[in-house]
Amino acid sequence: MSIRDSQTEWIRVQAYRRMGGERRIALAAEMFEDGVAIVRDSILDRYPDIGDDELRKRIRRRILPRELALQVEHYLRSRKVQKREQ
């Protein structure tokens, strides 16, 4: 992690304070999407032949807390079973 000097950090905080709430949320969403793209690319670099379902599962496991990722996987499995039963 990089070390930021206090003057640069003060300027950054002032810029965020001048932004409206909607812009700050949009910026956070962009940063999250960029992070997901970085994770996706790193997984694809390591496993170039990975399937879409496995890729999504690995992304979830990298980004979400472990317990939440497991809950999501359980939910998705139960939905697949329900769809097959219909």
PDB file of N, CA and C in Angstrom:
ATOM      1  N   MET A   1       0.841  -1.161   0.000  1.00  0.00           N
ATOM      2  CA  MET A   1       0.000   0.000   0.000  1.00  0.00           C
ATOM      3  C   MET A   1       0.897   1.238   0.000  1.00  0.00           C
ATOM      4  N   SER A   2       0.518   2.221  -0.780  1.00  0.00           N
ATOM      5  CA  SER A   2       1.340   3.421  -0.879  1.00  0.00           C
ATOM      6  C   SER A   2       1.105   4.338   0.317  1.00  0.00           C
ATOM      7  N   ILE A   3       2.117   5.136   0.600  1.00  0.00           N
ATOM      8  CA  ILE A   3       2.025   6.114   1.678  1.00  0.00           C
ATOM      9  C   ILE A   3       1.683   7.459   1.050  1.00  0.00           C
ATOM     10  N   ARG A   4       0.647   8.103   1.560  1.00  0.00           N
ATOM     11  CA  ARG A   4       0.225   9.393   1.027  1.00  0.00           C
ATOM     12  C   ARG A   4       0.714  10.495   1.956  1.00  0.00           C
ATOM     13  N   ASP A   5       1.163  11.585   1.339  1.00  0.00           N
ATOM     14  CA  ASP A   5       1.558  12.694   2.198  1.00  0.00           C
ATOM     15  C   ASP A   5       0.306  13.438   2.648  1.00  0.00           C
ATOM     16  N   SER A   6       0.398  14.124   3.779  1.00  0.00           N
ATOM     17  CA  SER A   6      -0.778  14.739   4.397  1.00  0.00           C
ATOM     18  C   SER A   6      -1.385  15.845   3.532  1.00  0.00           C
ATOM     19  N   GLN A   7      -0.572  16.586   2.802  1.00  0.00           N
ATOM     20  CA  GLN A   7      -1.113  17.660   1.964  1.00  0.00           C
ATOM     21  C   GLN A   7      -1.937  17.078   0.806  1.00  0.00           C
ATOM     22  N   THR A   8      -1.432  16.046   0.174  1.00  0.00           N
ATOM     23  CA  THR A   8      -2.176  15.402  -0.911  1.00  0.00           C
ATOM     24  C   THR A   8      -3.480  14.818  -0.382  1.00  0.00           C
ATOM     25  N   GLU A   9      -3.429  14.207   0.770  1.00  0.00           N
ATOM     26  CA  GLU A   9      -4.632  13.626   1.365  1.00  0.00           C
ATOM     27  C   GLU A   9      -5.648  14.718   1.700  1.00  0.00           C
ATOM     28  N   TRP A  10      -5.195  15.856   2.197  1.00  0.00           N
ATOM     29  CA  TRP A  10      -6.095  16.970   2.520  1.00  0.00           C
ATOM     30  C   TRP A  10      -6.785  17.471   1.254  1.00  0.00           C
ATOM     31  N   ILE A  11      -6.039  17.600   0.159  1.00  0.00           N
ATOM     32  CA  ILE A  11      -6.610  18.047  -1.117  1.00  0.00           C
ATOM     33  C   ILE A  11      -7.652  17.035  -1.601  1.00  0.00           C
ATOM     34  N   ARG A  12      -7.352  15.760  -1.475  1.00  0.00           N
ATOM     35  CA  ARG A  12      -8.291  14.709  -1.891  1.00  0.00           C
ATOM     36  C   ARG A  12      -9.588  14.797  -1.083  1.00  0.00           C
ATOM     37  N   VAL A  13      -9.480  14.938   0.224  1.00  0.00           N
ATOM     38  CA  VAL A  13     -10.664  15.024   1.084  1.00  0.00           C
ATOM     39  C   VAL A  13     -11.495  16.251   0.720  1.00  0.00           C
ATOM     40  N   GLN A  14     -10.838  17.371   0.474  1.00  0.00           N
ATOM     41  CA  GLN A  14     -11.575  18.585   0.090  1.00  0.00           C
ATOM     42  C   GLN A  14     -12.320  18.383  -1.230  1.00  0.00           C
ATOM     43  N   ALA A  15     -11.696  17.700  -2.169  1.00  0.00           N
ATOM     44  CA  ALA A  15     -12.355  17.435  -3.458  1.00  0.00           C
ATOM     45  C   ALA A  15     -13.586  16.556  -3.250  1.00  0.00           C
ATOM     46  N   TYR A  16     -13.479  15.536  -2.405  1.00  0.00           N
ATOM     47  CA  TYR A  16     -14.633  14.680  -2.128  1.00  0.00           C
ATOM     48  C   TYR A  16     -15.747  15.466  -1.444  1.00  0.00           C
ATOM     49  N   ARG A  17     -15.383  16.371  -0.556  1.00  0.00           N
ATOM     50  CA  ARG A  17     -16.401  17.169   0.140  1.00  0.00           C
ATOM     51  C   ARG A  17     -17.149  18.094  -0.810  1.00  0.00           C
ATOM     52  N   ARG A  18     -16.474  18.565  -1.851  1.00  0.00           N
ATOM     53  CA  ARG A  18     -17.135  19.442  -2.826  1.00  0.00           C
ATOM     54  C   ARG A  18     -18.082  18.666  -3.738  1.00  0.00           C
ATOM     55  N   MET A  19     -17.852  17.373  -3.878  1.00  0.00           N
ATOM     56  CA  MET A  19     -18.718  16.544  -4.727  1.00  0.00           C
ATOM     57  C   MET A  19     -20.065  16.342  -4.054  1.00  0.00           C
ATOM     58  N   GLY A  20     -21.082  16.227  -4.878  1.00  0.00           N
ATOM     59  CA  GLY A  20     -22.385  15.856  -4.346  1.00  0.00           C
ATOM     60  C   GLY A  20     -22.392  14.380  -3.972  1.00  0.00           C
ATOM     61  N   GLY A  21     -23.364  14.005  -3.168  1.00  0.00           N
ATOM     62  CA  GLY A  21     -23.468  12.616  -2.737  1.00  0.00           C
ATOM     63  C   GLY A  21     -23.624  11.654  -3.899  1.00  0.00           C
ATOM     64  N   GLU A  22     -24.417  12.063  -4.892  1.00  0.00           N
ATOM     65  CA  GLU A  22     -24.634  11.202  -6.058  1.00  0.00           C
ATOM     66  C   GLU A  22     -23.321  10.935  -6.791  1.00  0.00           C
ATOM     67  N   ARG A  23     -22.496  11.957  -6.924  1.00  0.00           N
ATOM     68  CA  ARG A  23     -21.207  11.791  -7.621  1.00  0.00           C
ATOM     69  C   ARG A  23     -20.263  10.895  -6.822  1.00  0.00           C
ATOM     70  N   ARG A  24     -20.259  11.052  -5.493  1.00  0.00           N
ATOM     71  CA  ARG A  24     -19.400  10.197  -4.660  1.00  0.00           C
ATOM     72  C   ARG A  24     -19.817   8.733  -4.774  1.00  0.00           C
ATOM     73  N   ILE A  25     -21.130   8.487  -4.799  1.00  0.00           N
ATOM     74  CA  ILE A  25     -21.614   7.114  -4.941  1.00  0.00           C
ATOM     75  C   ILE A  25     -21.243   6.565  -6.314  1.00  0.00           C
ATOM     76  N   ALA A  26     -21.399   7.387  -7.356  1.00  0.00           N
ATOM     77  CA  ALA A  26     -21.030   6.948  -8.711  1.00  0.00           C
ATOM     78  C   ALA A  26     -19.541   6.619  -8.780  1.00  0.00           C
ATOM     79  N   LEU A  27     -18.714   7.441  -8.141  1.00  0.00           N
ATOM     80  CA  LEU A  27     -17.273   7.202  -8.118  1.00  0.00           C
ATOM     81  C   LEU A  27     -16.952   5.890  -7.395  1.00  0.00           C
ATOM     82  N   ALA A  28     -17.616   5.653  -6.266  1.00  0.00           N
ATOM     83  CA  ALA A  28     -17.404   4.403  -5.529  1.00  0.00           C
ATOM     84  C   ALA A  28     -17.829   3.202  -6.374  1.00  0.00           C
ATOM     85  N   ALA A  29     -18.945   3.329  -7.093  1.00  0.00           N
ATOM     86  CA  ALA A  29     -19.410   2.236  -7.954  1.00  0.00           C
ATOM     87  C   ALA A  29     -18.406   1.962  -9.070  1.00  0.00           C
ATOM     88  N   GLU A  30     -17.858   3.017  -9.656  1.00  0.00           N
ATOM     89  CA  GLU A  30     -16.842   2.849 -10.704  1.00  0.00           C
ATOM     90  C   GLU A  30     -15.613   2.136 -10.156  1.00  0.00           C
ATOM     91  N   MET A  31     -15.189   2.536  -8.956  1.00  0.00           N
ATOM     92  CA  MET A  31     -14.014   1.906  -8.353  1.00  0.00           C
ATOM     93  C   MET A  31     -14.286   0.429  -8.066  1.00  0.00           C
ATOM     94  N   PHE A  32     -15.501   0.106  -7.604  1.00  0.00           N
ATOM     95  CA  PHE A  32     -15.864  -1.285  -7.347  1.00  0.00           C
ATOM     96  C   PHE A  32     -15.837  -2.084  -8.648  1.00  0.00           C
ATOM     97  N   GLU A  33     -16.440  -1.533  -9.703  1.00  0.00           N
ATOM     98  CA  GLU A  33     -16.456  -2.223 -10.995  1.00  0.00           C
ATOM     99  C   GLU A  33     -15.043  -2.436 -11.530  1.00  0.00           C
ATOM    100  N   ASP A  34     -14.174  -1.447 -11.341  1.00  0.00           N
ATOM    101  CA  ASP A  34     -12.778  -1.609 -11.753  1.00  0.00           C
ATOM    102  C   ASP A  34     -12.113  -2.733 -10.968  1.00  0.00           C
ATOM    103  N   GLY A  35     -12.404  -2.801  -9.669  1.00  0.00           N
ATOM    104  CA  GLY A  35     -11.850  -3.871  -8.844  1.00  0.00           C
ATOM    105  C   GLY A  35     -12.314  -5.243  -9.292  1.00  0.00           C
ATOM    106  N   VAL A  36     -13.601  -5.358  -9.620  1.00  0.00           N
ATOM    107  CA  VAL A  36     -14.138  -6.631 -10.113  1.00  0.00           C
ATOM    108  C   VAL A  36     -13.451  -7.015 -11.423  1.00  0.00           C
ATOM    109  N   ALA A  37     -13.242  -6.038 -12.299  1.00  0.00           N
ATOM    110  CA  ALA A  37     -12.573  -6.310 -13.583  1.00  0.00           C
ATOM    111  C   ALA A  37     -11.146  -6.811 -13.355  1.00  0.00           C
ATOM    112  N   ILE A  38     -10.450  -6.222 -12.391  1.00  0.00           N
ATOM    113  CA  ILE A  38      -9.084  -6.654 -12.077  1.00  0.00           C
ATOM    114  C   ILE A  38      -9.096  -8.094 -11.566  1.00  0.00           C
ATOM    115  N   VAL A  39     -10.028  -8.404 -10.672  1.00  0.00           N
ATOM    116  CA  VAL A  39     -10.145  -9.769 -10.144  1.00  0.00           C
ATOM    117  C   VAL A  39     -10.473 -10.738 -11.271  1.00  0.00           C
ATOM    118  N   ARG A  40     -11.446 -10.381 -12.133  1.00  0.00           N
ATOM    119  CA  ARG A  40     -11.834 -11.241 -13.254  1.00  0.00           C
ATOM    120  C   ARG A  40     -10.633 -11.512 -14.152  1.00  0.00           C
ATOM    121  N   ASP A  41      -9.894 -10.455 -14.500  1.00  0.00           N
ATOM    122  CA  ASP A  41      -8.738 -10.622 -15.382  1.00  0.00           C
ATOM    123  C   ASP A  41      -7.664 -11.504 -14.756  1.00  0.00           C
ATOM    124  N   SER A  42      -7.446 -11.357 -13.450  1.00  0.00           N
ATOM    125  CA  SER A  42      -6.413 -12.179 -12.808  1.00  0.00           C
ATOM    126  C   SER A  42      -6.822 -13.651 -12.787  1.00  0.00           C
ATOM    127  N   ILE A  43      -8.111 -13.919 -12.598  1.00  0.00           N
ATOM    128  CA  ILE A  43      -8.586 -15.305 -12.631  1.00  0.00           C
ATOM    129  C   ILE A  43      -8.450 -15.864 -14.044  1.00  0.00           C
ATOM    130  N   LEU A  44      -8.833 -15.072 -15.047  1.00  0.00           N
ATOM    131  CA  LEU A  44      -8.738 -15.534 -16.436  1.00  0.00           C
ATOM    132  C   LEU A  44      -7.288 -15.746 -16.866  1.00  0.00           C
ATOM    133  N   ASP A  45      -6.364 -14.940 -16.328  1.00  0.00           N
ATOM    134  CA  ASP A  45      -4.944 -15.156 -16.628  1.00  0.00           C
ATOM    135  C   ASP A  45      -4.489 -16.520 -16.115  1.00  0.00           C
ATOM    136  N   ARG A  46      -4.970 -16.866 -14.934  1.00  0.00           N
ATOM    137  CA  ARG A  46      -4.549 -18.123 -14.319  1.00  0.00           C
ATOM    138  C   ARG A  46      -5.307 -19.331 -14.883  1.00  0.00           C
ATOM    139  N   TYR A  47      -6.581 -19.128 -15.216  1.00  0.00           N
ATOM    140  CA  TYR A  47      -7.431 -20.213 -15.721  1.00  0.00           C
ATOM    141  C   TYR A  47      -8.104 -19.768 -17.025  1.00  0.00           C
ATOM    142  N   PRO A  48      -7.376 -19.740 -18.130  1.00  0.00           N
ATOM    143  CA  PRO A  48      -7.926 -19.192 -19.382  1.00  0.00           C
ATOM    144  C   PRO A  48      -9.119 -19.973 -19.938  1.00  0.00           C
ATOM    145  N   ASP A  49      -9.265 -21.239 -19.586  1.00  0.00           N
ATOM    146  CA  ASP A  49     -10.362 -22.055 -20.121  1.00  0.00           C
ATOM    147  C   ASP A  49     -11.524 -22.203 -19.142  1.00  0.00           C
ATOM    148  N   ILE A  50     -11.564 -21.372 -18.123  1.00  0.00           N
ATOM    149  CA  ILE A  50     -12.591 -21.475 -17.087  1.00  0.00           C
ATOM    150  C   ILE A  50     -13.970 -21.158 -17.676  1.00  0.00           C
ATOM    151  N   GLY A  51     -14.986 -21.860 -17.199  1.00  0.00           N
ATOM    152  CA  GLY A  51     -16.356 -21.609 -17.645  1.00  0.00           C
ATOM    153  C   GLY A  51     -16.949 -20.393 -16.943  1.00  0.00           C
ATOM    154  N   ASP A  52     -18.033 -19.875 -17.501  1.00  0.00           N
ATOM    155  CA  ASP A  52     -18.666 -18.673 -16.945  1.00  0.00           C
ATOM    156  C   ASP A  52     -19.138 -18.862 -15.508  1.00  0.00           C
ATOM    157  N   ASP A  53     -19.784 -20.003 -15.215  1.00  0.00           N
ATOM    158  CA  ASP A  53     -20.287 -20.239 -13.858  1.00  0.00           C
ATOM    159  C   ASP A  53     -19.147 -20.300 -12.845  1.00  0.00           C
ATOM    160  N   GLU A  54     -18.087 -21.021 -13.201  1.00  0.00           N
ATOM    161  CA  GLU A  54     -16.938 -21.132 -12.293  1.00  0.00           C
ATOM    162  C   GLU A  54     -16.252 -19.781 -12.124  1.00  0.00           C
ATOM    163  N   LEU A  55     -16.165 -19.002 -13.193  1.00  0.00           N
ATOM    164  CA  LEU A  55     -15.561 -17.667 -13.112  1.00  0.00           C
ATOM    165  C   LEU A  55     -16.350 -16.795 -12.141  1.00  0.00           C
ATOM    166  N   ARG A  56     -17.673 -16.777 -12.282  1.00  0.00           N
ATOM    167  CA  ARG A  56     -18.498 -15.965 -11.374  1.00  0.00           C
ATOM    168  C   ARG A  56     -18.329 -16.429  -9.923  1.00  0.00           C
ATOM    169  N   LYS A  57     -18.255 -17.738  -9.724  1.00  0.00           N
ATOM    170  CA  LYS A  57     -18.075 -18.283  -8.376  1.00  0.00           C
ATOM    171  C   LYS A  57     -16.741 -17.823  -7.779  1.00  0.00           C
ATOM    172  N   ARG A  58     -15.685 -17.889  -8.567  1.00  0.00           N
ATOM    173  CA  ARG A  58     -14.369 -17.475  -8.063  1.00  0.00           C
ATOM    174  C   ARG A  58     -14.322 -15.969  -7.793  1.00  0.00           C
ATOM    175  N   ILE A  59     -14.989 -15.186  -8.630  1.00  0.00           N
ATOM    176  CA  ILE A  59     -15.049 -13.738  -8.382  1.00  0.00           C
ATOM    177  C   ILE A  59     -15.762 -13.480  -7.060  1.00  0.00           C
ATOM    178  N   ARG A  60     -16.908 -14.123  -6.848  1.00  0.00           N
ATOM    179  CA  ARG A  60     -17.646 -13.947  -5.584  1.00  0.00           C
ATOM    180  C   ARG A  60     -16.768 -14.305  -4.396  1.00  0.00           C
ATOM    181  N   ARG A  61     -16.049 -15.424  -4.510  1.00  0.00           N
ATOM    182  CA  ARG A  61     -15.221 -15.871  -3.384  1.00  0.00           C
ATOM    183  C   ARG A  61     -14.061 -14.921  -3.103  1.00  0.00           C
ATOM    184  N   ARG A  62     -13.598 -14.213  -4.110  1.00  0.00           N
ATOM    185  CA  ARG A  62     -12.506 -13.256  -3.896  1.00  0.00           C
ATOM    186  C   ARG A  62     -13.006 -11.934  -3.328  1.00  0.00           C
ATOM    187  N   ILE A  63     -14.210 -11.528  -3.723  1.00  0.00           N
ATOM    188  CA  ILE A  63     -14.694 -10.193  -3.375  1.00  0.00           C
ATOM    189  C   ILE A  63     -15.514 -10.184  -2.086  1.00  0.00           C
ATOM    190  N   LEU A  64     -16.367 -11.182  -1.926  1.00  0.00           N
ATOM    191  CA  LEU A  64     -17.273 -11.197  -0.775  1.00  0.00           C
ATOM    192  C   LEU A  64     -16.616 -11.849   0.437  1.00  0.00           C
ATOM    193  N   PRO A  65     -17.086 -11.490   1.634  1.00  0.00           N
ATOM    194  CA  PRO A  65     -16.654 -12.240   2.814  1.00  0.00           C
ATOM    195  C   PRO A  65     -17.045 -13.709   2.630  1.00  0.00           C
ATOM    196  N   ARG A  66     -16.248 -14.610   3.172  1.00  0.00           N
ATOM    197  CA  ARG A  66     -16.427 -16.047   2.943  1.00  0.00           C
ATOM    198  C   ARG A  66     -17.855 -16.509   3.209  1.00  0.00           C
ATOM    199  N   GLU A  67     -18.403 -16.152   4.359  1.00  0.00           N
ATOM    200  CA  GLU A  67     -19.740 -16.619   4.730  1.00  0.00           C
ATOM    201  C   GLU A  67     -20.795 -16.108   3.748  1.00  0.00           C
ATOM    202  N   LEU A  68     -20.679 -14.876   3.327  1.00  0.00           N
ATOM    203  CA  LEU A  68     -21.641 -14.325   2.371  1.00  0.00           C
ATOM    204  C   LEU A  68     -21.520 -15.019   1.014  1.00  0.00           C
ATOM    205  N   ALA A  69     -20.303 -15.275   0.568  1.00  0.00           N
ATOM    206  CA  ALA A  69     -20.101 -15.979  -0.705  1.00  0.00           C
ATOM    207  C   ALA A  69     -20.745 -17.360  -0.657  1.00  0.00           C
ATOM    208  N   LEU A  70     -20.595 -18.057   0.469  1.00  0.00           N
ATOM    209  CA  LEU A  70     -21.202 -19.385   0.614  1.00  0.00           C
ATOM    210  C   LEU A  70     -22.728 -19.299   0.617  1.00  0.00           C
ATOM    211  N   GLN A  71     -23.272 -18.281   1.266  1.00  0.00           N
ATOM    212  CA  GLN A  71     -24.728 -18.099   1.274  1.00  0.00           C
ATOM    213  C   GLN A  71     -25.254 -17.830  -0.132  1.00  0.00           C
ATOM    214  N   VAL A  72     -24.543 -17.008  -0.883  1.00  0.00           N
ATOM    215  CA  VAL A  72     -24.950 -16.710  -2.260  1.00  0.00           C
ATOM    216  C   VAL A  72     -24.913 -17.984  -3.099  1.00  0.00           C
ATOM    217  N   GLU A  73     -23.853 -18.773  -2.962  1.00  0.00           N
ATOM    218  CA  GLU A  73     -23.751 -20.018  -3.724  1.00  0.00           C
ATOM    219  C   GLU A  73     -24.881 -20.983  -3.368  1.00  0.00           C
ATOM    220  N   HIS A  74     -25.204 -21.075  -2.086  1.00  0.00           N
ATOM    221  CA  HIS A  74     -26.313 -21.933  -1.662  1.00  0.00           C
ATOM    222  C   HIS A  74     -27.622 -21.446  -2.286  1.00  0.00           C
ATOM    223  N   TYR A  75     -27.853 -20.156  -2.253  1.00  0.00           N
ATOM    224  CA  TYR A  75     -29.066 -19.581  -2.846  1.00  0.00           C
ATOM    225  C   TYR A  75     -29.137 -19.879  -4.343  1.00  0.00           C
ATOM    226  N   LEU A  76     -28.032 -19.687  -5.047  1.00  0.00           N
ATOM    227  CA  LEU A  76     -28.025 -19.926  -6.492  1.00  0.00           C
ATOM    228  C   LEU A  76     -28.267 -21.396  -6.821  1.00  0.00           C
ATOM    229  N   ARG A  77     -27.680 -22.298  -6.025  1.00  0.00           N
ATOM    230  CA  ARG A  77     -27.921 -23.735  -6.230  1.00  0.00           C
ATOM    231  C   ARG A  77     -29.395 -24.065  -6.026  1.00  0.00           C
ATOM    232  N   SER A  78     -30.007 -23.491  -4.997  1.00  0.00           N
ATOM    233  CA  SER A  78     -31.423 -23.778  -4.732  1.00  0.00           C
ATOM    234  C   SER A  78     -32.308 -23.245  -5.858  1.00  0.00           C
ATOM    235  N   ARG A  79     -31.943 -22.141  -6.456  1.00  0.00           N
ATOM    236  CA  ARG A  79     -32.716 -21.605  -7.589  1.00  0.00           C
ATOM    237  C   ARG A  79     -32.602 -22.511  -8.805  1.00  0.00           C
ATOM    238  N   LYS A  80     -31.401 -23.080  -9.029  1.00  0.00           N
ATOM    239  CA  LYS A  80     -31.233 -24.001 -10.162  1.00  0.00           C
ATOM    240  C   LYS A  80     -32.117 -25.226  -9.982  1.00  0.00           C
ATOM    241  N   VAL A  81     -32.184 -25.743  -8.762  1.00  0.00           N
ATOM    242  CA  VAL A  81     -33.016 -26.909  -8.475  1.00  0.00           C
ATOM    243  C   VAL A  81     -34.481 -26.560  -8.718  1.00  0.00           C
ATOM    244  N   GLN A  82     -34.906 -25.392  -8.253  1.00  0.00           N
ATOM    245  CA  GLN A  82     -36.297 -24.973  -8.450  1.00  0.00           C
ATOM    246  C   GLN A  82     -36.634 -24.851  -9.931  1.00  0.00           C
ATOM    247  N   LYS A  83     -35.729 -24.307 -10.725  1.00  0.00           N
ATOM    248  CA  LYS A  83     -35.982 -24.153 -12.159  1.00  0.00           C
ATOM    249  C   LYS A  83     -36.111 -25.510 -12.837  1.00  0.00           C
ATOM    250  N   ARG A  84     -35.275 -26.477 -12.429  1.00  0.00           N
ATOM    251  CA  ARG A  84     -35.339 -27.815 -13.026  1.00  0.00           C
ATOM    252  C   ARG A  84     -36.646 -28.521 -12.672  1.00  0.00           C
ATOM    253  N   GLU A  85     -37.169 -28.232 -11.484  1.00  0.00           N
ATOM    254  CA  GLU A  85     -38.398 -28.885 -11.036  1.00  0.00           C
ATOM    255  C   GLU A  85     -39.631 -28.316 -11.728  1.00  0.00           C
ATOM    256  N   GLN A  86     -39.529 -27.159 -12.310  1.00  0.00           N
ATOM    257  CA  GLN A  86     -40.696 -26.528 -12.953  1.00  0.00           C
ATOM    258  C   GLN A  86     -40.984 -27.096 -14.304  1.00  0.00           C
TER     259      GLN A  86
END
